[in-house]
């Protein structure tokens, strides 16, 4: 998973989007895009939905008590 943001945002503003992205992965069913050939993705053999869901759950749990403001 990756995300790109244009502009200046705080962690508090981005965190809901990250949570939504992780939830989408956890709930996803069906064929994963880019998994059938190297033309679609150079690392297509590494795509694994079950592992992605497992990792997304772990990240989502880790975000239950995030540190949102770091000292300058």
C-alpha atoms as a PDB file:
ATOM      1  CA  UNK A   1       0.000   0.000   0.000  1.00  0.00           C
ATOM      2  CA  UNK A   2       1.165   3.485  -0.698  1.00  0.00           C
ATOM      3  CA  UNK A   3      -0.314   6.944  -0.722  1.00  0.00           C
ATOM      4  CA  UNK A   4       0.877  10.279  -2.017  1.00  0.00           C
ATOM      5  CA  UNK A   5      -0.362  13.597  -0.710  1.00  0.00           C
ATOM      6  CA  UNK A   6       0.039  17.019  -2.263  1.00  0.00           C
ATOM      7  CA  UNK A   7       0.199  19.877   0.193  1.00  0.00           C
ATOM      8  CA  UNK A   8       0.812  20.129   3.888  1.00  0.00           C
ATOM      9  CA  UNK A   9      -1.181  17.867   6.176  1.00  0.00           C
ATOM     10  CA  UNK A  10      -0.943  16.897   9.809  1.00  0.00           C
ATOM     11  CA  UNK A  11      -0.930  13.345  11.117  1.00  0.00           C
ATOM     12  CA  UNK A  12      -4.398  13.975  12.543  1.00  0.00           C
ATOM     13  CA  UNK A  13      -5.686  14.816   9.059  1.00  0.00           C
ATOM     14  CA  UNK A  14      -4.110  11.792   7.357  1.00  0.00           C
ATOM     15  CA  UNK A  15      -4.806   9.152  10.007  1.00  0.00           C
ATOM     16  CA  UNK A  16      -8.508   8.627   9.093  1.00  0.00           C
ATOM     17  CA  UNK A  17      -7.549   8.038   5.461  1.00  0.00           C
ATOM     18  CA  UNK A  18      -4.891   5.486   6.449  1.00  0.00           C
ATOM     19  CA  UNK A  19      -7.409   3.694   8.670  1.00  0.00           C
ATOM     20  CA  UNK A  20      -9.912   3.626   5.796  1.00  0.00           C
ATOM     21  CA  UNK A  21      -7.274   2.216   3.437  1.00  0.00           C
ATOM     22  CA  UNK A  22      -6.353  -0.545   5.890  1.00  0.00           C
ATOM     23  CA  UNK A  23     -10.016  -1.399   6.469  1.00  0.00           C
ATOM     24  CA  UNK A  24     -10.549  -1.615   2.702  1.00  0.00           C
ATOM     25  CA  UNK A  25      -7.693  -4.124   2.448  1.00  0.00           C
ATOM     26  CA  UNK A  26      -9.022  -6.200   5.353  1.00  0.00           C
ATOM     27  CA  UNK A  27     -12.520  -6.370   3.824  1.00  0.00           C
ATOM     28  CA  UNK A  28     -11.430  -6.828   0.200  1.00  0.00           C
ATOM     29  CA  UNK A  29     -12.689  -9.928  -1.606  1.00  0.00           C
ATOM     30  CA  UNK A  30     -11.995 -10.848  -5.197  1.00  0.00           C
ATOM     31  CA  UNK A  31      -9.134 -10.747  -7.635  1.00  0.00           C
ATOM     32  CA  UNK A  32      -6.248  -8.461  -6.737  1.00  0.00           C
ATOM     33  CA  UNK A  33      -5.285  -6.184  -9.636  1.00  0.00           C
ATOM     34  CA  UNK A  34      -1.785  -6.676 -11.001  1.00  0.00           C
ATOM     35  CA  UNK A  35      -1.384 -10.321 -10.018  1.00  0.00           C
ATOM     36  CA  UNK A  36      -1.579 -12.164 -13.323  1.00  0.00           C
ATOM     37  CA  UNK A  37       1.585 -11.140 -15.178  1.00  0.00           C
ATOM     38  CA  UNK A  38       4.748  -9.085 -15.082  1.00  0.00           C
ATOM     39  CA  UNK A  39       3.130  -6.735 -17.606  1.00  0.00           C
ATOM     40  CA  UNK A  40       0.713  -5.666 -14.873  1.00  0.00           C
ATOM     41  CA  UNK A  41       3.265  -5.510 -12.057  1.00  0.00           C
ATOM     42  CA  UNK A  42       6.952  -6.353 -11.946  1.00  0.00           C
ATOM     43  CA  UNK A  43       6.523  -8.040  -8.553  1.00  0.00           C
ATOM     44  CA  UNK A  44       3.211  -9.751  -9.311  1.00  0.00           C
ATOM     45  CA  UNK A  45       4.380 -13.059  -7.819  1.00  0.00           C
ATOM     46  CA  UNK A  46       4.769 -11.407  -4.436  1.00  0.00           C
ATOM     47  CA  UNK A  47       1.105 -10.336  -4.171  1.00  0.00           C
ATOM     48  CA  UNK A  48      -0.681 -12.279  -1.454  1.00  0.00           C
ATOM     49  CA  UNK A  49      -4.112 -11.134  -0.293  1.00  0.00           C
ATOM     50  CA  UNK A  50      -4.130 -13.242   2.869  1.00  0.00           C
ATOM     51  CA  UNK A  51      -0.786 -11.799   3.972  1.00  0.00           C
ATOM     52  CA  UNK A  52      -1.870  -8.274   3.039  1.00  0.00           C
ATOM     53  CA  UNK A  53      -4.970  -8.664   5.202  1.00  0.00           C
ATOM     54  CA  UNK A  54      -2.884  -9.994   8.084  1.00  0.00           C
ATOM     55  CA  UNK A  55      -0.460  -7.066   7.824  1.00  0.00           C
ATOM     56  CA  UNK A  56      -3.303  -4.532   7.477  1.00  0.00           C
ATOM     57  CA  UNK A  57      -4.917  -5.860  10.670  1.00  0.00           C
ATOM     58  CA  UNK A  58      -1.615  -5.530  12.543  1.00  0.00           C
ATOM     59  CA  UNK A  59      -1.095  -1.964  11.304  1.00  0.00           C
ATOM     60  CA  UNK A  60      -4.677  -1.016  12.148  1.00  0.00           C
ATOM     61  CA  UNK A  61      -4.257  -2.372  15.678  1.00  0.00           C
ATOM     62  CA  UNK A  62      -1.021  -0.415  16.038  1.00  0.00           C
ATOM     63  CA  UNK A  63      -2.898   2.763  15.110  1.00  0.00           C
ATOM     64  CA  UNK A  64      -5.354   2.415  17.990  1.00  0.00           C
ATOM     65  CA  UNK A  65      -3.164   4.674  20.149  1.00  0.00           C
ATOM     66  CA  UNK A  66      -1.033   6.661  17.714  1.00  0.00           C
ATOM     67  CA  UNK A  67       1.427   9.396  18.608  1.00  0.00           C
ATOM     68  CA  UNK A  68       0.111  12.268  16.513  1.00  0.00           C
ATOM     69  CA  UNK A  69       2.260  15.187  17.611  1.00  0.00           C
ATOM     70  CA  UNK A  70       6.013  14.850  17.642  1.00  0.00           C
ATOM     71  CA  UNK A  71       8.197  17.472  19.262  1.00  0.00           C
ATOM     72  CA  UNK A  72       9.905  19.795  16.808  1.00  0.00           C
END
